[in-house]
PDB file of N, CA and C in Angstrom:
ATOM      1  N   UNK A   1      97.799  33.833-136.616  1.00  0.00           N
ATOM      2  CA  UNK A   1      99.365  34.731-136.877  1.00  0.00           C
ATOM      3  C   UNK A   1     100.194  34.611-137.220  1.00  0.00           C
ATOM      4  N   UNK A   2     101.348  34.938-137.582  1.00  0.00           N
ATOM      5  CA  UNK A   2     102.594  33.919-137.953  1.00  0.00           C
ATOM      6  C   UNK A   2     103.313  33.633-137.075  1.00  0.00           C
ATOM      7  N   UNK A   3     104.299  32.629-136.646  1.00  0.00           N
ATOM      8  CA  UNK A   3     105.044  32.031-135.290  1.00  0.00           C
ATOM      9  C   UNK A   3     106.277  32.330-135.874  1.00  0.00           C
ATOM     10  N   UNK A   4     107.092  31.533-135.282  1.00  0.00           N
ATOM     11  CA  UNK A   4     108.261  31.856-135.774  1.00  0.00           C
ATOM     12  C   UNK A   4     109.160  31.092-136.512  1.00  0.00           C
ATOM     13  N   UNK A   5     107.810  29.569-136.737  1.00  0.00           N
ATOM     14  CA  UNK A   5     108.407  28.751-137.832  1.00  0.00           C
ATOM     15  C   UNK A   5     108.064  29.784-139.793  1.00  0.00           C
ATOM     16  N   UNK A   6     107.163  31.243-139.374  1.00  0.00           N
ATOM     17  CA  UNK A   6     107.317  32.720-140.266  1.00  0.00           C
ATOM     18  C   UNK A   6     108.831  32.906-140.496  1.00  0.00           C
ATOM     19  N   UNK A   7     109.276  33.319-138.917  1.00  0.00           N
ATOM     20  CA  UNK A   7     110.981  34.093-139.027  1.00  0.00           C
ATOM     21  C   UNK A   7     112.238  33.262-139.536  1.00  0.00           C
ATOM     22  N   UNK A   8     111.315  31.605-139.726  1.00  0.00           N
ATOM     23  CA  UNK A   8     112.918  30.560-140.105  1.00  0.00           C
ATOM     24  C   UNK A   8     112.910  30.765-141.060  1.00  0.00           C
ATOM     25  N   UNK A   9     111.818  30.437-141.693  1.00  0.00           N
ATOM     26  CA  UNK A   9     111.737  31.059-143.580  1.00  0.00           C
ATOM     27  C   UNK A   9     112.340  32.210-144.027  1.00  0.00           C
ATOM     28  N   UNK A  10     112.157  32.455-143.993  1.00  0.00           N
ATOM     29  CA  UNK A  10     112.862  34.412-144.176  1.00  0.00           C
ATOM     30  C   UNK A  10     113.640  34.798-143.642  1.00  0.00           C
ATOM     31  N   UNK A  11     114.534  34.047-142.639  1.00  0.00           N
ATOM     32  CA  UNK A  11     115.543  33.988-142.399  1.00  0.00           C
ATOM     33  C   UNK A  11     116.672  33.539-143.404  1.00  0.00           C
ATOM     34  N   UNK A  12     116.048  31.602-143.434  1.00  0.00           N
ATOM     35  CA  UNK A  12     116.773  30.821-144.122  1.00  0.00           C
ATOM     36  C   UNK A  12     116.544  30.101-144.822  1.00  0.00           C
ATOM     37  N   UNK A  13     115.787  30.886-145.785  1.00  0.00           N
ATOM     38  CA  UNK A  13     115.195  30.289-146.767  1.00  0.00           C
ATOM     39  C   UNK A  13     115.714  29.064-147.984  1.00  0.00           C
ATOM     40  N   UNK A  14     114.394  27.629-147.785  1.00  0.00           N
ATOM     41  CA  UNK A  14     114.607  26.954-147.939  1.00  0.00           C
ATOM     42  C   UNK A  14     114.898  26.719-149.892  1.00  0.00           C
ATOM     43  N   UNK A  15     115.970  26.067-150.208  1.00  0.00           N
ATOM     44  CA  UNK A  15     115.412  26.635-152.093  1.00  0.00           C
ATOM     45  C   UNK A  15     116.077  27.710-153.042  1.00  0.00           C
ATOM     46  N   UNK A  16     115.906  28.334-152.027  1.00  0.00           N
ATOM     47  CA  UNK A  16     116.220  30.069-152.695  1.00  0.00           C
ATOM     48  C   UNK A  16     117.251  30.018-152.962  1.00  0.00           C
ATOM     49  N   UNK A  17     116.441  30.191-154.831  1.00  0.00           N
ATOM     50  CA  UNK A  17     117.828  30.631-155.712  1.00  0.00           C
ATOM     51  C   UNK A  17     118.377  29.141-156.153  1.00  0.00           C
ATOM     52  N   UNK A  18     118.345  28.219-155.388  1.00  0.00           N
ATOM     53  CA  UNK A  18     119.231  26.810-156.181  1.00  0.00           C
ATOM     54  C   UNK A  18     118.070  26.122-156.697  1.00  0.00           C
ATOM     55  N   UNK A  19     118.110  26.865-158.288  1.00  0.00           N
ATOM     56  CA  UNK A  19     116.945  25.401-159.279  1.00  0.00           C
ATOM     57  C   UNK A  19     118.225  24.438-159.322  1.00  0.00           C
ATOM     58  N   UNK A  20     117.545  23.157-159.376  1.00  0.00           N
ATOM     59  CA  UNK A  20     117.809  22.322-160.506  1.00  0.00           C
ATOM     60  C   UNK A  20     117.977  22.687-162.124  1.00  0.00           C
ATOM     61  N   UNK A  21     119.234  22.194-162.236  1.00  0.00           N
ATOM     62  CA  UNK A  21     120.076  22.598-163.543  1.00  0.00           C
ATOM     63  C   UNK A  21     118.733  21.861-164.424  1.00  0.00           C
ATOM     64  N   UNK A  22     118.504  20.609-164.653  1.00  0.00           N
ATOM     65  CA  UNK A  22     117.300  20.166-165.316  1.00  0.00           C
ATOM     66  C   UNK A  22     116.182  20.040-164.489  1.00  0.00           C
ATOM     67  N   UNK A  23     115.387  20.226-165.158  1.00  0.00           N
ATOM     68  CA  UNK A  23     113.755  20.468-164.344  1.00  0.00           C
ATOM     69  C   UNK A  23     112.994  21.315-164.471  1.00  0.00           C
ATOM     70  N   UNK A  24     111.478  21.004-164.385  1.00  0.00           N
ATOM     71  CA  UNK A  24     110.503  22.061-164.683  1.00  0.00           C
ATOM     72  C   UNK A  24     110.224  22.795-164.228  1.00  0.00           C
ATOM     73  N   UNK A  25     109.766  23.679-164.743  1.00  0.00           N
ATOM     74  CA  UNK A  25     109.570  25.029-163.896  1.00  0.00           C
ATOM     75  C   UNK A  25     107.745  26.190-164.573  1.00  0.00           C
ATOM     76  N   UNK A  26     107.243  25.946-163.021  1.00  0.00           N
ATOM     77  CA  UNK A  26     106.526  27.134-163.759  1.00  0.00           C
ATOM     78  C   UNK A  26     106.206  28.251-162.272  1.00  0.00           C
ATOM     79  N   UNK A  27     105.282  29.128-163.496  1.00  0.00           N
ATOM     80  CA  UNK A  27     105.806  30.349-163.254  1.00  0.00           C
ATOM     81  C   UNK A  27     104.062  31.364-162.943  1.00  0.00           C
ATOM     82  N   UNK A  28     104.165  32.005-162.045  1.00  0.00           N
ATOM     83  CA  UNK A  28     103.105  32.374-161.098  1.00  0.00           C
ATOM     84  C   UNK A  28     103.297  33.836-161.138  1.00  0.00           C
ATOM     85  N   UNK A  29     101.921  34.715-161.402  1.00  0.00           N
ATOM     86  CA  UNK A  29     102.762  36.427-160.450  1.00  0.00           C
ATOM     87  C   UNK A  29     102.184  37.423-161.775  1.00  0.00           C
ATOM     88  N   UNK A  30     103.155  38.652-161.172  1.00  0.00           N
ATOM     89  CA  UNK A  30     102.577  39.710-162.269  1.00  0.00           C
ATOM     90  C   UNK A  30     101.148  39.961-161.742  1.00  0.00           C
ATOM     91  N   UNK A  31     100.517  40.194-160.121  1.00  0.00           N
ATOM     92  CA  UNK A  31      98.857  40.735-160.095  1.00  0.00           C
ATOM     93  C   UNK A  31      99.492  42.299-159.982  1.00  0.00           C
ATOM     94  N   UNK A  32      98.709  42.515-159.550  1.00  0.00           N
ATOM     95  CA  UNK A  32      99.091  44.365-159.044  1.00  0.00           C
ATOM     96  C   UNK A  32      99.614  44.146-158.092  1.00  0.00           C
ATOM     97  N   UNK A  33     100.003  43.167-157.165  1.00  0.00           N
ATOM     98  CA  UNK A  33     101.442  43.531-155.970  1.00  0.00           C
ATOM     99  C   UNK A  33     102.932  43.303-156.899  1.00  0.00           C
ATOM    100  N   UNK A  34     103.314  42.739-157.856  1.00  0.00           N
ATOM    101  CA  UNK A  34     103.816  42.806-158.640  1.00  0.00           C
ATOM    102  C   UNK A  34     104.755  41.197-157.743  1.00  0.00           C
ATOM    103  N   UNK A  35     103.757  40.787-157.565  1.00  0.00           N
ATOM    104  CA  UNK A  35     105.143  39.733-157.236  1.00  0.00           C
ATOM    105  C   UNK A  35     104.870  38.563-158.104  1.00  0.00           C
ATOM    106  N   UNK A  36     106.220  37.814-158.149  1.00  0.00           N
ATOM    107  CA  UNK A  36     106.595  37.110-159.405  1.00  0.00           C
ATOM    108  C   UNK A  36     107.346  35.757-158.481  1.00  0.00           C
ATOM    109  N   UNK A  37     106.803  34.242-158.705  1.00  0.00           N
ATOM    110  CA  UNK A  37     108.109  33.625-158.134  1.00  0.00           C
ATOM    111  C   UNK A  37     107.974  32.784-159.068  1.00  0.00           C
ATOM    112  N   UNK A  38     108.776  31.699-159.333  1.00  0.00           N
ATOM    113  CA  UNK A  38     109.474  30.606-160.302  1.00  0.00           C
ATOM    114  C   UNK A  38     109.625  29.764-159.938  1.00  0.00           C
ATOM    115  N   UNK A  39     109.136  28.359-159.728  1.00  0.00           N
ATOM    116  CA  UNK A  39     109.483  27.027-158.872  1.00  0.00           C
ATOM    117  C   UNK A  39     109.767  26.059-160.235  1.00  0.00           C
ATOM    118  N   UNK A  40     110.999  25.573-159.974  1.00  0.00           N
ATOM    119  CA  UNK A  40     111.669  24.448-160.800  1.00  0.00           C
ATOM    120  C   UNK A  40     112.005  23.714-159.976  1.00  0.00           C
ATOM    121  N   UNK A  41     111.734  21.829-160.417  1.00  0.00           N
ATOM    122  CA  UNK A  41     110.945  20.389-160.249  1.00  0.00           C
ATOM    123  C   UNK A  41     111.720  19.875-160.896  1.00  0.00           C
ATOM    124  N   UNK A  42     112.744  18.833-160.340  1.00  0.00           N
ATOM    125  CA  UNK A  42     113.643  17.955-160.856  1.00  0.00           C
ATOM    126  C   UNK A  42     112.262  16.619-159.926  1.00  0.00           C
ATOM    127  N   UNK A  43     112.610  15.910-160.985  1.00  0.00           N
ATOM    128  CA  UNK A  43     111.337  14.832-161.012  1.00  0.00           C
ATOM    129  C   UNK A  43     111.842  13.286-161.684  1.00  0.00           C
ATOM    130  N   UNK A  44     112.111  12.045-160.473  1.00  0.00           N
ATOM    131  CA  UNK A  44     112.912  11.166-160.706  1.00  0.00           C
ATOM    132  C   UNK A  44     112.107  10.280-160.066  1.00  0.00           C
ATOM    133  N   UNK A  45     111.723   9.297-161.038  1.00  0.00           N
ATOM    134  CA  UNK A  45     110.462   8.189-161.520  1.00  0.00           C
ATOM    135  C   UNK A  45     109.329   9.102-160.743  1.00  0.00           C
ATOM    136  N   UNK A  46     108.772   8.638-159.458  1.00  0.00           N
ATOM    137  CA  UNK A  46     107.323   9.367-159.595  1.00  0.00           C
ATOM    138  C   UNK A  46     107.725  10.162-157.882  1.00  0.00           C
ATOM    139  N   UNK A  47     108.608  10.784-158.427  1.00  0.00           N
ATOM    140  CA  UNK A  47     108.878  11.349-156.772  1.00  0.00           C
ATOM    141  C   UNK A  47     109.653  13.189-157.162  1.00  0.00           C
ATOM    142  N   UNK A  48     109.842  13.881-156.523  1.00  0.00           N
ATOM    143  CA  UNK A  48     110.661  14.877-156.610  1.00  0.00           C
ATOM    144  C   UNK A  48     111.630  14.491-155.804  1.00  0.00           C
ATOM    145  N   UNK A  49     112.851  15.398-156.903  1.00  0.00           N
ATOM    146  CA  UNK A  49     114.514  14.500-155.942  1.00  0.00           C
ATOM    147  C   UNK A  49     115.051  16.152-156.089  1.00  0.00           C
ATOM    148  N   UNK A  50     114.240  16.885-156.163  1.00  0.00           N
ATOM    149  CA  UNK A  50     115.350  18.629-156.514  1.00  0.00           C
ATOM    150  C   UNK A  50     114.160  19.499-156.093  1.00  0.00           C
ATOM    151  N   UNK A  51     114.269  20.716-155.864  1.00  0.00           N
ATOM    152  CA  UNK A  51     113.332  21.819-156.284  1.00  0.00           C
ATOM    153  C   UNK A  51     113.811  23.180-155.704  1.00  0.00           C
ATOM    154  N   UNK A  52     113.490  23.937-156.225  1.00  0.00           N
ATOM    155  CA  UNK A  52     114.145  25.536-155.895  1.00  0.00           C
ATOM    156  C   UNK A  52     113.141  26.240-156.129  1.00  0.00           C
ATOM    157  N   UNK A  53     113.610  27.670-156.033  1.00  0.00           N
ATOM    158  CA  UNK A  53     112.535  29.065-156.342  1.00  0.00           C
ATOM    159  C   UNK A  53     113.118  30.316-156.463  1.00  0.00           C
ATOM    160  N   UNK A  54     112.813  30.636-157.180  1.00  0.00           N
ATOM    161  CA  UNK A  54     113.196  32.211-156.776  1.00  0.00           C
ATOM    162  C   UNK A  54     112.005  33.501-156.650  1.00  0.00           C
ATOM    163  N   UNK A  55     112.265  34.099-155.889  1.00  0.00           N
ATOM    164  CA  UNK A  55     110.653  35.104-155.658  1.00  0.00           C
ATOM    165  C   UNK A  55     111.007  36.418-155.656  1.00  0.00           C
ATOM    166  N   UNK A  56     110.534  37.356-156.421  1.00  0.00           N
ATOM    167  CA  UNK A  56     110.358  38.837-156.120  1.00  0.00           C
ATOM    168  C   UNK A  56     109.106  39.428-155.816  1.00  0.00           C
ATOM    169  N   UNK A  57     109.598  40.211-154.868  1.00  0.00           N
ATOM    170  CA  UNK A  57     107.947  39.908-154.275  1.00  0.00           C
ATOM    171  C   UNK A  57     108.419  40.786-152.660  1.00  0.00           C
ATOM    172  N   UNK A  58     107.772  40.575-152.135  1.00  0.00           N
ATOM    173  CA  UNK A  58     106.979  40.029-150.078  1.00  0.00           C
ATOM    174  C   UNK A  58     107.553  39.073-150.013  1.00  0.00           C
ATOM    175  N   UNK A  59     108.525  38.898-148.621  1.00  0.00           N
ATOM    176  CA  UNK A  59     108.876  38.796-147.259  1.00  0.00           C
ATOM    177  C   UNK A  59     107.818  37.020-148.040  1.00  0.00           C
ATOM    178  N   UNK A  60     106.555  37.981-147.251  1.00  0.00           N
ATOM    179  CA  UNK A  60     105.257  36.600-147.551  1.00  0.00           C
ATOM    180  C   UNK A  60     105.943  35.012-149.108  1.00  0.00           C
ATOM    181  N   UNK A  61     106.253  35.668-149.978  1.00  0.00           N
ATOM    182  CA  UNK A  61     106.951  35.076-151.239  1.00  0.00           C
ATOM    183  C   UNK A  61     108.017  34.218-150.787  1.00  0.00           C
ATOM    184  N   UNK A  62     108.377  34.802-150.414  1.00  0.00           N
ATOM    185  CA  UNK A  62     110.403  33.783-150.162  1.00  0.00           C
ATOM    186  C   UNK A  62     109.460  33.165-149.040  1.00  0.00           C
ATOM    187  N   UNK A  63     108.794  33.060-147.912  1.00  0.00           N
ATOM    188  CA  UNK A  63     108.465  32.105-146.831  1.00  0.00           C
ATOM    189  C   UNK A  63     108.101  31.336-147.785  1.00  0.00           C
ATOM    190  N   UNK A  64     106.552  31.406-148.376  1.00  0.00           N
ATOM    191  CA  UNK A  64     106.181  30.142-149.253  1.00  0.00           C
ATOM    192  C   UNK A  64     106.775  29.918-149.718  1.00  0.00           C
ATOM    193  N   UNK A  65     107.550  30.214-150.921  1.00  0.00           N
ATOM    194  CA  UNK A  65     108.446  29.536-151.175  1.00  0.00           C
ATOM    195  C   UNK A  65     109.106  27.950-150.754  1.00  0.00           C
ATOM    196  N   UNK A  66     109.689  28.957-149.867  1.00  0.00           N
ATOM    197  CA  UNK A  66     110.465  27.979-149.002  1.00  0.00           C
ATOM    198  C   UNK A  66     109.876  26.901-148.389  1.00  0.00           C
ATOM    199  N   UNK A  67     108.697  27.361-147.925  1.00  0.00           N
ATOM    200  CA  UNK A  67     107.665  26.109-147.264  1.00  0.00           C
ATOM    201  C   UNK A  67     107.576  25.066-148.657  1.00  0.00           C
ATOM    202  N   UNK A  68     106.680  25.459-149.264  1.00  0.00           N
ATOM    203  CA  UNK A  68     107.276  24.323-150.960  1.00  0.00           C
ATOM    204  C   UNK A  68     108.058  23.958-150.815  1.00  0.00           C
ATOM    205  N   UNK A  69     109.231  23.997-151.000  1.00  0.00           N
ATOM    206  CA  UNK A  69     110.601  23.504-151.042  1.00  0.00           C
ATOM    207  C   UNK A  69     110.945  22.457-150.180  1.00  0.00           C
ATOM    208  N   UNK A  70     110.700  22.589-148.825  1.00  0.00           N
ATOM    209  CA  UNK A  70     109.954  22.048-147.432  1.00  0.00           C
ATOM    210  C   UNK A  70     109.695  20.673-147.732  1.00  0.00           C
ATOM    211  N   UNK A  71     108.023  20.964-148.393  1.00  0.00           N
ATOM    212  CA  UNK A  71     106.826  20.921-148.370  1.00  0.00           C
ATOM    213  C   UNK A  71     107.370  19.143-150.093  1.00  0.00           C
ATOM    214  N   UNK A  72     107.855  19.608-151.042  1.00  0.00           N
ATOM    215  CA  UNK A  72     108.114  18.608-151.924  1.00  0.00           C
ATOM    216  C   UNK A  72     109.545  18.290-152.266  1.00  0.00           C
ATOM    217  N   UNK A  73     110.211  18.098-150.822  1.00  0.00           N
ATOM    218  CA  UNK A  73     111.675  17.284-150.900  1.00  0.00           C
ATOM    219  C   UNK A  73     111.078  16.210-150.492  1.00  0.00           C
ATOM    220  N   UNK A  74     111.485  14.975-151.642  1.00  0.00           N
ATOM    221  CA  UNK A  74     111.010  13.720-151.716  1.00  0.00           C
ATOM    222  C   UNK A  74     109.932  13.439-151.839  1.00  0.00           C
ATOM    223  N   UNK A  75     108.499  14.472-151.760  1.00  0.00           N
ATOM    224  CA  UNK A  75     107.464  13.965-151.461  1.00  0.00           C
ATOM    225  C   UNK A  75     106.499  12.835-153.468  1.00  0.00           C
ATOM    226  N   UNK A  76     106.292  12.285-153.374  1.00  0.00           N
ATOM    227  CA  UNK A  76     105.699  11.836-154.303  1.00  0.00           C
ATOM    228  C   UNK A  76     104.870  12.760-155.738  1.00  0.00           C
ATOM    229  N   UNK A  77     104.742  12.306-156.732  1.00  0.00           N
ATOM    230  CA  UNK A  77     103.997  13.457-157.154  1.00  0.00           C
ATOM    231  C   UNK A  77     103.024  13.495-157.210  1.00  0.00           C
ATOM    232  N   UNK A  78     101.845  12.607-156.604  1.00  0.00           N
ATOM    233  CA  UNK A  78     100.918  13.383-155.844  1.00  0.00           C
ATOM    234  C   UNK A  78     100.226  13.635-154.953  1.00  0.00           C
ATOM    235  N   UNK A  79     101.198  13.514-153.776  1.00  0.00           N
ATOM    236  CA  UNK A  79     100.958  14.199-152.752  1.00  0.00           C
ATOM    237  C   UNK A  79     102.002  15.866-152.894  1.00  0.00           C
ATOM    238  N   UNK A  80     102.663  15.944-153.947  1.00  0.00           N
ATOM    239  CA  UNK A  80     103.370  17.084-154.191  1.00  0.00           C
ATOM    240  C   UNK A  80     102.074  17.496-154.961  1.00  0.00           C
ATOM    241  N   UNK A  81     101.369  17.224-155.913  1.00  0.00           N
ATOM    242  CA  UNK A  81      99.724  17.764-156.341  1.00  0.00           C
ATOM    243  C   UNK A  81      98.664  18.069-156.128  1.00  0.00           C
ATOM    244  N   UNK A  82      98.650  17.692-154.218  1.00  0.00           N
ATOM    245  CA  UNK A  82      98.160  17.885-153.428  1.00  0.00           C
ATOM    246  C   UNK A  82      98.356  19.354-152.526  1.00  0.00           C
ATOM    247  N   UNK A  83      99.098  19.353-152.685  1.00  0.00           N
ATOM    248  CA  UNK A  83     100.057  20.407-151.199  1.00  0.00           C
ATOM    249  C   UNK A  83      99.503  21.666-151.579  1.00  0.00           C
ATOM    250  N   UNK A  84      98.496  22.472-151.181  1.00  0.00           N
ATOM    251  CA  UNK A  84      97.889  23.395-151.278  1.00  0.00           C
ATOM    252  C   UNK A  84      98.046  24.670-150.142  1.00  0.00           C
ATOM    253  N   UNK A  85      97.343  25.906-150.943  1.00  0.00           N
ATOM    254  CA  UNK A  85      97.600  27.005-150.102  1.00  0.00           C
ATOM    255  C   UNK A  85      96.996  27.111-148.402  1.00  0.00           C
ATOM    256  N   UNK A  86      96.657  26.210-147.867  1.00  0.00           N
ATOM    257  CA  UNK A  86      96.073  25.836-146.521  1.00  0.00           C
ATOM    258  C   UNK A  86      97.546  25.468-145.922  1.00  0.00           C
ATOM    259  N   UNK A  87      97.765  23.880-147.232  1.00  0.00           N
ATOM    260  CA  UNK A  87      98.872  23.584-146.299  1.00  0.00           C
ATOM    261  C   UNK A  87     100.356  24.321-146.213  1.00  0.00           C
ATOM    262  N   UNK A  88     100.285  25.049-147.137  1.00  0.00           N
ATOM    263  CA  UNK A  88     101.400  26.307-147.074  1.00  0.00           C
ATOM    264  C   UNK A  88     101.268  27.237-145.819  1.00  0.00           C
ATOM    265  N   UNK A  89     100.442  27.797-145.662  1.00  0.00           N
ATOM    266  CA  UNK A  89     100.171  28.977-144.597  1.00  0.00           C
ATOM    267  C   UNK A  89     100.432  28.074-143.776  1.00  0.00           C
ATOM    268  N   UNK A  90      99.172  26.585-143.301  1.00  0.00           N
ATOM    269  CA  UNK A  90      99.396  26.044-142.134  1.00  0.00           C
ATOM    270  C   UNK A  90     100.844  25.774-141.374  1.00  0.00           C
ATOM    271  N   UNK A  91     101.956  25.223-142.343  1.00  0.00           N
ATOM    272  CA  UNK A  91     103.281  25.078-142.136  1.00  0.00           C
ATOM    273  C   UNK A  91     103.514  26.442-141.715  1.00  0.00           C
ATOM    274  N   UNK A  92     103.462  27.333-141.784  1.00  0.00           N
ATOM    275  CA  UNK A  92     104.004  28.441-140.694  1.00  0.00           C
ATOM    276  C   UNK A  92     102.492  29.847-139.714  1.00  0.00           C
ATOM    277  N   UNK A  93     102.393  28.492-139.131  1.00  0.00           N
ATOM    278  CA  UNK A  93     101.378  29.098-138.239  1.00  0.00           C
ATOM    279  C   UNK A  93     100.310  29.480-138.910  1.00  0.00           C
ATOM    280  N   UNK A  94     100.021  30.370-140.401  1.00  0.00           N
ATOM    281  CA  UNK A  94      98.839  30.886-140.764  1.00  0.00           C
ATOM    282  C   UNK A  94      98.978  31.994-141.396  1.00  0.00           C
ATOM    283  N   UNK A  95      99.150  32.810-142.330  1.00  0.00           N
ATOM    284  CA  UNK A  95      99.106  33.873-142.861  1.00  0.00           C
ATOM    285  C   UNK A  95      98.200  35.172-142.508  1.00  0.00           C
ATOM    286  N   UNK A  96      98.761  36.263-142.741  1.00  0.00           N
ATOM    287  CA  UNK A  96      97.602  37.510-142.604  1.00  0.00           C
ATOM    288  C   UNK A  96      96.871  37.438-143.699  1.00  0.00           C
ATOM    289  N   UNK A  97      95.651  37.901-143.235  1.00  0.00           N
ATOM    290  CA  UNK A  97      95.119  37.674-145.058  1.00  0.00           C
ATOM    291  C   UNK A  97      95.300  38.392-146.073  1.00  0.00           C
ATOM    292  N   UNK A  98      96.081  39.624-145.822  1.00  0.00           N
ATOM    293  CA  UNK A  98      96.452  40.883-146.524  1.00  0.00           C
ATOM    294  C   UNK A  98      98.204  40.020-147.350  1.00  0.00           C
ATOM    295  N   UNK A  99      98.701  38.335-146.817  1.00  0.00           N
ATOM    296  CA  UNK A  99      99.460  37.904-147.586  1.00  0.00           C
ATOM    297  C   UNK A  99      99.645  36.240-147.596  1.00  0.00           C
ATOM    298  N   UNK A 100      97.787  36.469-147.983  1.00  0.00           N
ATOM    299  CA  UNK A 100      98.122  35.078-148.351  1.00  0.00           C
ATOM    300  C   UNK A 100      98.016  34.891-150.135  1.00  0.00           C
ATOM    301  N   UNK A 101      98.189  36.195-150.678  1.00  0.00           N
ATOM    302  CA  UNK A 101      97.795  35.660-151.522  1.00  0.00           C
ATOM    303  C   UNK A 101      99.400  35.005-152.480  1.00  0.00           C
ATOM    304  N   UNK A 102     100.334  35.599-151.072  1.00  0.00           N
ATOM    305  CA  UNK A 102     101.738  35.025-151.538  1.00  0.00           C
ATOM    306  C   UNK A 102     101.593  33.533-151.804  1.00  0.00           C
ATOM    307  N   UNK A 103     101.033  32.945-151.098  1.00  0.00           N
ATOM    308  CA  UNK A 103     100.925  31.369-151.039  1.00  0.00           C
ATOM    309  C   UNK A 103      99.482  30.898-151.986  1.00  0.00           C
ATOM    310  N   UNK A 104      99.155  31.448-152.474  1.00  0.00           N
ATOM    311  CA  UNK A 104      98.368  31.524-153.643  1.00  0.00           C
ATOM    312  C   UNK A 104      99.550  31.298-155.001  1.00  0.00           C
ATOM    313  N   UNK A 105     100.281  32.217-154.868  1.00  0.00           N
ATOM    314  CA  UNK A 105     100.866  32.363-155.901  1.00  0.00           C
ATOM    315  C   UNK A 105     101.567  31.260-156.239  1.00  0.00           C
ATOM    316  N   UNK A 106     102.238  30.613-154.862  1.00  0.00           N
ATOM    317  CA  UNK A 106     103.181  29.712-154.551  1.00  0.00           C
ATOM    318  C   UNK A 106     102.888  28.428-155.099  1.00  0.00           C
ATOM    319  N   UNK A 107     101.438  28.337-154.888  1.00  0.00           N
ATOM    320  CA  UNK A 107     101.154  27.182-154.600  1.00  0.00           C
ATOM    321  C   UNK A 107     100.940  26.774-156.867  1.00  0.00           C
ATOM    322  N   UNK A 108     100.536  27.823-157.246  1.00  0.00           N
ATOM    323  CA  UNK A 108      99.795  27.886-158.518  1.00  0.00           C
ATOM    324  C   UNK A 108     100.867  27.242-159.542  1.00  0.00           C
ATOM    325  N   UNK A 109     102.215  28.030-159.214  1.00  0.00           N
ATOM    326  CA  UNK A 109     103.757  28.354-159.825  1.00  0.00           C
ATOM    327  C   UNK A 109     104.161  26.825-159.584  1.00  0.00           C
ATOM    328  N   UNK A 110     103.957  26.084-158.598  1.00  0.00           N
ATOM    329  CA  UNK A 110     104.280  24.333-158.181  1.00  0.00           C
ATOM    330  C   UNK A 110     103.378  24.056-158.920  1.00  0.00           C
ATOM    331  N   UNK A 111     101.883  24.409-158.944  1.00  0.00           N
ATOM    332  CA  UNK A 111     100.886  23.093-159.595  1.00  0.00           C
ATOM    333  C   UNK A 111     101.975  23.214-161.184  1.00  0.00           C
ATOM    334  N   UNK A 112     102.095  24.360-161.566  1.00  0.00           N
ATOM    335  CA  UNK A 112     102.176  24.399-163.142  1.00  0.00           C
ATOM    336  C   UNK A 112     104.342  23.748-163.438  1.00  0.00           C
ATOM    337  N   UNK A 113     104.616  23.942-162.596  1.00  0.00           N
ATOM    338  CA  UNK A 113     105.462  23.391-162.630  1.00  0.00           C
ATOM    339  C   UNK A 113     105.202  21.558-162.662  1.00  0.00           C
ATOM    340  N   UNK A 114     104.492  21.061-161.504  1.00  0.00           N
ATOM    341  CA  UNK A 114     104.116  19.511-161.611  1.00  0.00           C
ATOM    342  C   UNK A 114     103.481  19.516-162.753  1.00  0.00           C
ATOM    343  N   UNK A 115     102.675  20.168-163.841  1.00  0.00           N
ATOM    344  CA  UNK A 115     102.095  19.789-164.585  1.00  0.00           C
ATOM    345  C   UNK A 115     102.990  19.644-165.672  1.00  0.00           C
ATOM    346  N   UNK A 116     103.544  20.659-165.467  1.00  0.00           N
ATOM    347  CA  UNK A 116     104.713  20.379-166.809  1.00  0.00           C
ATOM    348  C   UNK A 116     106.064  18.634-166.988  1.00  0.00           C
ATOM    349  N   UNK A 117     106.268  18.390-165.109  1.00  0.00           N
ATOM    350  CA  UNK A 117     107.282  17.444-165.305  1.00  0.00           C
ATOM    351  C   UNK A 117     105.833  16.054-166.069  1.00  0.00           C
ATOM    352  N   UNK A 118     104.435  16.016-165.871  1.00  0.00           N
ATOM    353  CA  UNK A 118     103.564  14.855-165.996  1.00  0.00           C
ATOM    354  C   UNK A 118     104.153  14.934-167.178  1.00  0.00           C
ATOM    355  N   UNK A 119     104.009  15.975-168.032  1.00  0.00           N
ATOM    356  CA  UNK A 119     103.518  16.244-169.307  1.00  0.00           C
ATOM    357  C   UNK A 119     104.693  15.542-170.186  1.00  0.00           C
ATOM    358  N   UNK A 120     105.708  15.738-169.350  1.00  0.00           N
ATOM    359  CA  UNK A 120     106.760  15.266-170.562  1.00  0.00           C
ATOM    360  C   UNK A 120     107.058  13.858-170.619  1.00  0.00           C
TER     361      UNK A 120
END
């Protein structure tokens, strides 16, 4: 079950609405629940220099977007590409099965953004 880290990310999300002005974005969502997330990454060399996100949906989506931005901070492209649904969930002490979709959407958007950055 989620712990204090979940509450911290919900109260003070890292990167929320702090989208890099120049970057690559990835969007995921629109499923039955209506959740939608956009992640933007700015890459310098082989590292993520900046990341931000916008989320429309449940609180878990905001929490997972915040976790992703925290994990991306200064990460190499290779390490960033390895960020998984489990890694995001583990950072907040786990997610209720009904909220795991939030981590799935965030990781999908993150990988789309990284794919755009690598292709550029």
